[in-house]
Amino acid sequence: DTSTSDTVLAFATGKAGNAPLASF
């Protein structure tokens, strides 16, 4: 049974100080 509410969210704060990732 597939829920009416299924959600997965990803949040990236950018606080690690790495060079930003924009592609593979």
mmCIF file of all heavy atoms, coordinates in Angstrom:
data_MODEL
# 
_entry.id   MODEL 
# 
loop_
_atom_site.group_PDB 
_atom_site.id 
_atom_site.type_symbol 
_atom_site.label_atom_id 
_atom_site.label_alt_id 
_atom_site.label_comp_id 
_atom_site.label_asym_id 
_atom_site.label_entity_id 
_atom_site.label_seq_id 
_atom_site.pdbx_PDB_ins_code 
_atom_site.Cartn_x 
_atom_site.Cartn_y 
_atom_site.Cartn_z 
_atom_site.occupancy 
_atom_site.B_iso_or_equiv 
_atom_site.pdbx_formal_charge 
_atom_site.auth_seq_id 
_atom_site.auth_comp_id 
_atom_site.auth_asym_id 
_atom_site.auth_atom_id 
_atom_site.pdbx_PDB_model_num 
ATOM 1   N N   . ASP A 1 1  ? 0.829  -1.202 0.000   1.00 0.00 ? 1  ASP A N   1 
ATOM 2   C CA  . ASP A 1 1  ? 0.000  0.000  0.000   1.00 0.00 ? 1  ASP A CA  1 
ATOM 3   C C   . ASP A 1 1  ? 0.867  1.256  0.000   1.00 0.00 ? 1  ASP A C   1 
ATOM 4   O O   . ASP A 1 1  ? 1.701  1.447  0.893   1.00 0.00 ? 1  ASP A O   1 
ATOM 5   C CB  . ASP A 1 1  ? -0.916 0.019  1.229   1.00 0.00 ? 1  ASP A CB  1 
ATOM 6   C CG  . ASP A 1 1  ? -2.055 -0.973 1.098   1.00 0.00 ? 1  ASP A CG  1 
ATOM 7   O OD1 . ASP A 1 1  ? -2.441 -1.266 -0.046  1.00 0.00 ? 1  ASP A OD1 1 
ATOM 8   O OD2 . ASP A 1 1  ? -2.553 -1.453 2.128   1.00 0.00 ? 1  ASP A OD2 1 
ATOM 9   N N   . THR A 1 2  ? 0.648  2.111  -0.988  1.00 0.00 ? 2  THR A N   1 
ATOM 10  C CA  . THR A 1 2  ? 1.419  3.346  -1.127  1.00 0.00 ? 2  THR A CA  1 
ATOM 11  C C   . THR A 1 2  ? 0.721  4.475  -0.381  1.00 0.00 ? 2  THR A C   1 
ATOM 12  O O   . THR A 1 2  ? -0.411 4.819  -0.677  1.00 0.00 ? 2  THR A O   1 
ATOM 13  C CB  . THR A 1 2  ? 1.566  3.721  -2.617  1.00 0.00 ? 2  THR A CB  1 
ATOM 14  O OG1 . THR A 1 2  ? 2.251  2.666  -3.287  1.00 0.00 ? 2  THR A OG1 1 
ATOM 15  C CG2 . THR A 1 2  ? 2.356  5.008  -2.771  1.00 0.00 ? 2  THR A CG2 1 
ATOM 16  N N   . SER A 1 3  ? 1.407  5.094  0.550   1.00 0.00 ? 3  SER A N   1 
ATOM 17  C CA  . SER A 1 3  ? 0.817  6.113  1.405   1.00 0.00 ? 3  SER A CA  1 
ATOM 18  C C   . SER A 1 3  ? 0.440  7.382  0.645   1.00 0.00 ? 3  SER A C   1 
ATOM 19  O O   . SER A 1 3  ? 1.003  7.699  -0.396  1.00 0.00 ? 3  SER A O   1 
ATOM 20  C CB  . SER A 1 3  ? 1.797  6.467  2.517   1.00 0.00 ? 3  SER A CB  1 
ATOM 21  O OG  . SER A 1 3  ? 1.383  7.614  3.226   1.00 0.00 ? 3  SER A OG  1 
ATOM 22  N N   . THR A 1 4  ? -0.496 8.119  1.234   1.00 0.00 ? 4  THR A N   1 
ATOM 23  C CA  . THR A 1 4  ? -0.887 9.428  0.715   1.00 0.00 ? 4  THR A CA  1 
ATOM 24  C C   . THR A 1 4  ? 0.130  10.510 1.076   1.00 0.00 ? 4  THR A C   1 
ATOM 25  O O   . THR A 1 4  ? 0.020  11.639 0.599   1.00 0.00 ? 4  THR A O   1 
ATOM 26  C CB  . THR A 1 4  ? -2.246 9.841  1.298   1.00 0.00 ? 4  THR A CB  1 
ATOM 27  O OG1 . THR A 1 4  ? -2.148 9.853  2.729   1.00 0.00 ? 4  THR A OG1 1 
ATOM 28  C CG2 . THR A 1 4  ? -3.331 8.879  0.884   1.00 0.00 ? 4  THR A CG2 1 
ATOM 29  N N   . SER A 1 5  ? 1.088  10.195 1.927   1.00 0.00 ? 5  SER A N   1 
ATOM 30  C CA  . SER A 1 5  ? 1.962  11.225 2.488   1.00 0.00 ? 5  SER A CA  1 
ATOM 31  C C   . SER A 1 5  ? 3.445  10.997 2.235   1.00 0.00 ? 5  SER A C   1 
ATOM 32  O O   . SER A 1 5  ? 4.275  11.788 2.691   1.00 0.00 ? 5  SER A O   1 
ATOM 33  C CB  . SER A 1 5  ? 1.736  11.307 4.010   1.00 0.00 ? 5  SER A CB  1 
ATOM 34  O OG  . SER A 1 5  ? 0.375  11.514 4.313   1.00 0.00 ? 5  SER A OG  1 
ATOM 35  N N   . ASP A 1 6  ? 3.814  9.923  1.526   1.00 0.00 ? 6  ASP A N   1 
ATOM 36  C CA  . ASP A 1 6  ? 5.219  9.575  1.343   1.00 0.00 ? 6  ASP A CA  1 
ATOM 37  C C   . ASP A 1 6  ? 6.067  10.773 0.916   1.00 0.00 ? 6  ASP A C   1 
ATOM 38  O O   . ASP A 1 6  ? 5.783  11.433 -0.083  1.00 0.00 ? 6  ASP A O   1 
ATOM 39  C CB  . ASP A 1 6  ? 5.368  8.503  0.260   1.00 0.00 ? 6  ASP A CB  1 
ATOM 40  C CG  . ASP A 1 6  ? 4.847  7.150  0.701   1.00 0.00 ? 6  ASP A CG  1 
ATOM 41  O OD1 . ASP A 1 6  ? 4.724  6.937  1.908   1.00 0.00 ? 6  ASP A OD1 1 
ATOM 42  O OD2 . ASP A 1 6  ? 4.581  6.313  -0.176  1.00 0.00 ? 6  ASP A OD2 1 
ATOM 43  N N   . THR A 1 7  ? 7.113  11.022 1.673   1.00 0.00 ? 7  THR A N   1 
ATOM 44  C CA  . THR A 1 7  ? 8.000  12.157 1.400   1.00 0.00 ? 7  THR A CA  1 
ATOM 45  C C   . THR A 1 7  ? 9.403  11.829 1.875   1.00 0.00 ? 7  THR A C   1 
ATOM 46  O O   . THR A 1 7  ? 9.580  11.318 2.989   1.00 0.00 ? 7  THR A O   1 
ATOM 47  C CB  . THR A 1 7  ? 7.520  13.417 2.154   1.00 0.00 ? 7  THR A CB  1 
ATOM 48  O OG1 . THR A 1 7  ? 6.224  13.783 1.697   1.00 0.00 ? 7  THR A OG1 1 
ATOM 49  C CG2 . THR A 1 7  ? 8.471  14.586 1.937   1.00 0.00 ? 7  THR A CG2 1 
ATOM 50  N N   . VAL A 1 8  ? 10.384 12.098 1.060   1.00 0.00 ? 8  VAL A N   1 
ATOM 51  C CA  . VAL A 1 8  ? 11.782 12.110 1.493   1.00 0.00 ? 8  VAL A CA  1 
ATOM 52  C C   . VAL A 1 8  ? 12.383 13.433 1.048   1.00 0.00 ? 8  VAL A C   1 
ATOM 53  O O   . VAL A 1 8  ? 12.305 13.790 -0.132  1.00 0.00 ? 8  VAL A O   1 
ATOM 54  C CB  . VAL A 1 8  ? 12.585 10.936 0.912   1.00 0.00 ? 8  VAL A CB  1 
ATOM 55  C CG1 . VAL A 1 8  ? 14.085 11.133 1.172   1.00 0.00 ? 8  VAL A CG1 1 
ATOM 56  C CG2 . VAL A 1 8  ? 12.147 9.613  1.535   1.00 0.00 ? 8  VAL A CG2 1 
ATOM 57  N N   . LEU A 1 9  ? 12.937 14.164 1.998   1.00 0.00 ? 9  LEU A N   1 
ATOM 58  C CA  . LEU A 1 9  ? 13.551 15.460 1.721   1.00 0.00 ? 9  LEU A CA  1 
ATOM 59  C C   . LEU A 1 9  ? 15.020 15.421 2.087   1.00 0.00 ? 9  LEU A C   1 
ATOM 60  O O   . LEU A 1 9  ? 15.408 14.784 3.069   1.00 0.00 ? 9  LEU A O   1 
ATOM 61  C CB  . LEU A 1 9  ? 12.848 16.568 2.515   1.00 0.00 ? 9  LEU A CB  1 
ATOM 62  C CG  . LEU A 1 9  ? 11.358 16.783 2.244   1.00 0.00 ? 9  LEU A CG  1 
ATOM 63  C CD1 . LEU A 1 9  ? 10.794 17.807 3.217   1.00 0.00 ? 9  LEU A CD1 1 
ATOM 64  C CD2 . LEU A 1 9  ? 11.128 17.223 0.808   1.00 0.00 ? 9  LEU A CD2 1 
ATOM 65  N N   . ALA A 1 10 ? 15.838 16.116 1.321   1.00 0.00 ? 10 ALA A N   1 
ATOM 66  C CA  . ALA A 1 10 ? 17.264 16.246 1.606   1.00 0.00 ? 10 ALA A CA  1 
ATOM 67  C C   . ALA A 1 10 ? 17.606 17.719 1.736   1.00 0.00 ? 10 ALA A C   1 
ATOM 68  O O   . ALA A 1 10 ? 17.180 18.543 0.915   1.00 0.00 ? 10 ALA A O   1 
ATOM 69  C CB  . ALA A 1 10 ? 18.102 15.604 0.503   1.00 0.00 ? 10 ALA A CB  1 
ATOM 70  N N   . PHE A 1 11 ? 18.372 18.048 2.766   1.00 0.00 ? 11 PHE A N   1 
ATOM 71  C CA  . PHE A 1 11 ? 18.765 19.427 3.049   1.00 0.00 ? 11 PHE A CA  1 
ATOM 72  C C   . PHE A 1 11 ? 20.288 19.496 3.133   1.00 0.00 ? 11 PHE A C   1 
ATOM 73  O O   . PHE A 1 11 ? 20.907 18.726 3.873   1.00 0.00 ? 11 PHE A O   1 
ATOM 74  C CB  . PHE A 1 11 ? 18.165 19.892 4.384   1.00 0.00 ? 11 PHE A CB  1 
ATOM 75  C CG  . PHE A 1 11 ? 16.679 19.745 4.479   1.00 0.00 ? 11 PHE A CG  1 
ATOM 76  C CD1 . PHE A 1 11 ? 16.106 18.610 5.037   1.00 0.00 ? 11 PHE A CD1 1 
ATOM 77  C CD2 . PHE A 1 11 ? 15.838 20.750 4.017   1.00 0.00 ? 11 PHE A CD2 1 
ATOM 78  C CE1 . PHE A 1 11 ? 14.730 18.477 5.148   1.00 0.00 ? 11 PHE A CE1 1 
ATOM 79  C CE2 . PHE A 1 11 ? 14.455 20.628 4.116   1.00 0.00 ? 11 PHE A CE2 1 
ATOM 80  C CZ  . PHE A 1 11 ? 13.902 19.488 4.680   1.00 0.00 ? 11 PHE A CZ  1 
ATOM 81  N N   . ALA A 1 12 ? 20.885 20.425 2.414   1.00 0.00 ? 12 ALA A N   1 
ATOM 82  C CA  . ALA A 1 12 ? 22.336 20.607 2.426   1.00 0.00 ? 12 ALA A CA  1 
ATOM 83  C C   . ALA A 1 12 ? 22.646 22.033 2.875   1.00 0.00 ? 12 ALA A C   1 
ATOM 84  O O   . ALA A 1 12 ? 22.353 22.994 2.155   1.00 0.00 ? 12 ALA A O   1 
ATOM 85  C CB  . ALA A 1 12 ? 22.928 20.341 1.046   1.00 0.00 ? 12 ALA A CB  1 
ATOM 86  N N   . THR A 1 13 ? 23.218 22.161 4.085   1.00 0.00 ? 13 THR A N   1 
ATOM 87  C CA  . THR A 1 13 ? 23.431 23.489 4.661   1.00 0.00 ? 13 THR A CA  1 
ATOM 88  C C   . THR A 1 13 ? 24.633 24.223 4.087   1.00 0.00 ? 13 THR A C   1 
ATOM 89  O O   . THR A 1 13 ? 24.735 25.440 4.219   1.00 0.00 ? 13 THR A O   1 
ATOM 90  C CB  . THR A 1 13 ? 23.608 23.391 6.187   1.00 0.00 ? 13 THR A CB  1 
ATOM 91  O OG1 . THR A 1 13 ? 24.851 22.716 6.489   1.00 0.00 ? 13 THR A OG1 1 
ATOM 92  C CG2 . THR A 1 13 ? 22.439 22.644 6.827   1.00 0.00 ? 13 THR A CG2 1 
ATOM 93  N N   . GLY A 1 14 ? 25.579 23.483 3.493   1.00 0.00 ? 14 GLY A N   1 
ATOM 94  C CA  . GLY A 1 14 ? 26.753 24.127 2.903   1.00 0.00 ? 14 GLY A CA  1 
ATOM 95  C C   . GLY A 1 14 ? 27.779 24.595 3.907   1.00 0.00 ? 14 GLY A C   1 
ATOM 96  O O   . GLY A 1 14 ? 28.701 25.347 3.554   1.00 0.00 ? 14 GLY A O   1 
ATOM 97  N N   . LYS A 1 15 ? 27.682 24.146 5.160   1.00 0.00 ? 15 LYS A N   1 
ATOM 98  C CA  . LYS A 1 15 ? 28.560 24.640 6.223   1.00 0.00 ? 15 LYS A CA  1 
ATOM 99  C C   . LYS A 1 15 ? 29.894 23.894 6.326   1.00 0.00 ? 15 LYS A C   1 
ATOM 100 O O   . LYS A 1 15 ? 30.756 24.273 7.114   1.00 0.00 ? 15 LYS A O   1 
ATOM 101 C CB  . LYS A 1 15 ? 27.843 24.566 7.571   1.00 0.00 ? 15 LYS A CB  1 
ATOM 102 C CG  . LYS A 1 15 ? 26.618 25.475 7.685   1.00 0.00 ? 15 LYS A CG  1 
ATOM 103 C CD  . LYS A 1 15 ? 27.033 26.928 7.654   1.00 0.00 ? 15 LYS A CD  1 
ATOM 104 C CE  . LYS A 1 15 ? 25.850 27.852 7.928   1.00 0.00 ? 15 LYS A CE  1 
ATOM 105 N NZ  . LYS A 1 15 ? 26.249 29.276 7.922   1.00 0.00 ? 15 LYS A NZ  1 
ATOM 106 N N   . ALA A 1 16 ? 30.094 22.842 5.549   1.00 0.00 ? 16 ALA A N   1 
ATOM 107 C CA  . ALA A 1 16 ? 31.335 22.062 5.661   1.00 0.00 ? 16 ALA A CA  1 
ATOM 108 C C   . ALA A 1 16 ? 32.535 22.762 5.037   1.00 0.00 ? 16 ALA A C   1 
ATOM 109 O O   . ALA A 1 16 ? 33.677 22.408 5.309   1.00 0.00 ? 16 ALA A O   1 
ATOM 110 C CB  . ALA A 1 16 ? 31.144 20.687 5.024   1.00 0.00 ? 16 ALA A CB  1 
ATOM 111 N N   . GLY A 1 17 ? 32.273 23.727 4.173   1.00 0.00 ? 17 GLY A N   1 
ATOM 112 C CA  . GLY A 1 17 ? 33.370 24.476 3.564   1.00 0.00 ? 17 GLY A CA  1 
ATOM 113 C C   . GLY A 1 17 ? 33.981 23.827 2.348   1.00 0.00 ? 17 GLY A C   1 
ATOM 114 O O   . GLY A 1 17 ? 35.043 24.261 1.870   1.00 0.00 ? 17 GLY A O   1 
ATOM 115 N N   . ASN A 1 18 ? 33.340 22.807 1.807   1.00 0.00 ? 18 ASN A N   1 
ATOM 116 C CA  . ASN A 1 18 ? 33.854 22.165 0.596   1.00 0.00 ? 18 ASN A CA  1 
ATOM 117 C C   . ASN A 1 18 ? 33.547 22.997 -0.636  1.00 0.00 ? 18 ASN A C   1 
ATOM 118 O O   . ASN A 1 18 ? 32.646 23.859 -0.621  1.00 0.00 ? 18 ASN A O   1 
ATOM 119 C CB  . ASN A 1 18 ? 33.229 20.785 0.433   1.00 0.00 ? 18 ASN A CB  1 
ATOM 120 C CG  . ASN A 1 18 ? 31.712 20.831 0.260   1.00 0.00 ? 18 ASN A CG  1 
ATOM 121 O OD1 . ASN A 1 18 ? 31.005 21.021 1.246   1.00 0.00 ? 18 ASN A OD1 1 
ATOM 122 N ND2 . ASN A 1 18 ? 31.233 20.666 -0.963  1.00 0.00 ? 18 ASN A ND2 1 
ATOM 123 N N   . ALA A 1 19 ? 34.295 22.753 -1.695  1.00 0.00 ? 19 ALA A N   1 
ATOM 124 C CA  . ALA A 1 19 ? 33.968 23.370 -2.981  1.00 0.00 ? 19 ALA A CA  1 
ATOM 125 C C   . ALA A 1 19 ? 32.599 22.860 -3.396  1.00 0.00 ? 19 ALA A C   1 
ATOM 126 O O   . ALA A 1 19 ? 32.368 21.645 -3.426  1.00 0.00 ? 19 ALA A O   1 
ATOM 127 C CB  . ALA A 1 19 ? 35.012 23.004 -4.030  1.00 0.00 ? 19 ALA A CB  1 
ATOM 128 N N   . PRO A 1 20 ? 31.645 23.734 -3.689  1.00 0.00 ? 20 PRO A N   1 
ATOM 129 C CA  . PRO A 1 20 ? 30.273 23.293 -3.972  1.00 0.00 ? 20 PRO A CA  1 
ATOM 130 C C   . PRO A 1 20 ? 30.195 22.283 -5.111  1.00 0.00 ? 20 PRO A C   1 
ATOM 131 O O   . PRO A 1 20 ? 30.896 22.414 -6.123  1.00 0.00 ? 20 PRO A O   1 
ATOM 132 C CB  . PRO A 1 20 ? 29.569 24.604 -4.344  1.00 0.00 ? 20 PRO A CB  1 
ATOM 133 C CG  . PRO A 1 20 ? 30.364 25.669 -3.666  1.00 0.00 ? 20 PRO A CG  1 
ATOM 134 C CD  . PRO A 1 20 ? 31.792 25.197 -3.714  1.00 0.00 ? 20 PRO A CD  1 
ATOM 135 N N   . LEU A 1 21 ? 29.346 21.271 -4.913  1.00 0.00 ? 21 LEU A N   1 
ATOM 136 C CA  . LEU A 1 21 ? 29.126 20.254 -5.933  1.00 0.00 ? 21 LEU A CA  1 
ATOM 137 C C   . LEU A 1 21 ? 27.968 20.672 -6.829  1.00 0.00 ? 21 LEU A C   1 
ATOM 138 O O   . LEU A 1 21 ? 26.898 21.019 -6.339  1.00 0.00 ? 21 LEU A O   1 
ATOM 139 C CB  . LEU A 1 21 ? 28.801 18.911 -5.277  1.00 0.00 ? 21 LEU A CB  1 
ATOM 140 C CG  . LEU A 1 21 ? 29.855 18.321 -4.340  1.00 0.00 ? 21 LEU A CG  1 
ATOM 141 C CD1 . LEU A 1 21 ? 29.339 17.023 -3.727  1.00 0.00 ? 21 LEU A CD1 1 
ATOM 142 C CD2 . LEU A 1 21 ? 31.172 18.091 -5.075  1.00 0.00 ? 21 LEU A CD2 1 
ATOM 143 N N   . ALA A 1 22 ? 28.212 20.629 -8.137  1.00 0.00 ? 22 ALA A N   1 
ATOM 144 C CA  . ALA A 1 22 ? 27.169 20.999 -9.093  1.00 0.00 ? 22 ALA A CA  1 
ATOM 145 C C   . ALA A 1 22 ? 26.944 19.937 -10.158 1.00 0.00 ? 22 ALA A C   1 
ATOM 146 O O   . ALA A 1 22 ? 25.954 19.988 -10.882 1.00 0.00 ? 22 ALA A O   1 
ATOM 147 C CB  . ALA A 1 22 ? 27.497 22.333 -9.752  1.00 0.00 ? 22 ALA A CB  1 
ATOM 148 N N   . SER A 1 23 ? 27.862 18.966 -10.258 1.00 0.00 ? 23 SER A N   1 
ATOM 149 C CA  . SER A 1 23 ? 27.707 17.888 -11.241 1.00 0.00 ? 23 SER A CA  1 
ATOM 150 C C   . SER A 1 23 ? 28.654 16.757 -10.867 1.00 0.00 ? 23 SER A C   1 
ATOM 151 O O   . SER A 1 23 ? 29.532 16.913 -10.007 1.00 0.00 ? 23 SER A O   1 
ATOM 152 C CB  . SER A 1 23 ? 28.021 18.376 -12.658 1.00 0.00 ? 23 SER A CB  1 
ATOM 153 O OG  . SER A 1 23 ? 29.417 18.496 -12.849 1.00 0.00 ? 23 SER A OG  1 
ATOM 154 N N   . PHE A 1 24 ? 28.491 15.632 -11.550 1.00 0.00 ? 24 PHE A N   1 
ATOM 155 C CA  . PHE A 1 24 ? 29.369 14.496 -11.286 1.00 0.00 ? 24 PHE A CA  1 
ATOM 156 C C   . PHE A 1 24 ? 30.774 14.726 -11.818 1.00 0.00 ? 24 PHE A C   1 
ATOM 157 O O   . PHE A 1 24 ? 31.685 13.923 -11.549 1.00 0.00 ? 24 PHE A O   1 
ATOM 158 C CB  . PHE A 1 24 ? 28.768 13.217 -11.880 1.00 0.00 ? 24 PHE A CB  1 
ATOM 159 C CG  . PHE A 1 24 ? 27.678 12.630 -11.032 1.00 0.00 ? 24 PHE A CG  1 
ATOM 160 C CD1 . PHE A 1 24 ? 26.371 12.627 -11.479 1.00 0.00 ? 24 PHE A CD1 1 
ATOM 161 C CD2 . PHE A 1 24 ? 27.959 12.094 -9.784  1.00 0.00 ? 24 PHE A CD2 1 
ATOM 162 C CE1 . PHE A 1 24 ? 25.358 12.089 -10.699 1.00 0.00 ? 24 PHE A CE1 1 
ATOM 163 C CE2 . PHE A 1 24 ? 26.950 11.563 -8.995  1.00 0.00 ? 24 PHE A CE2 1 
ATOM 164 C CZ  . PHE A 1 24 ? 25.647 11.554 -9.455  1.00 0.00 ? 24 PHE A CZ  1 
# 
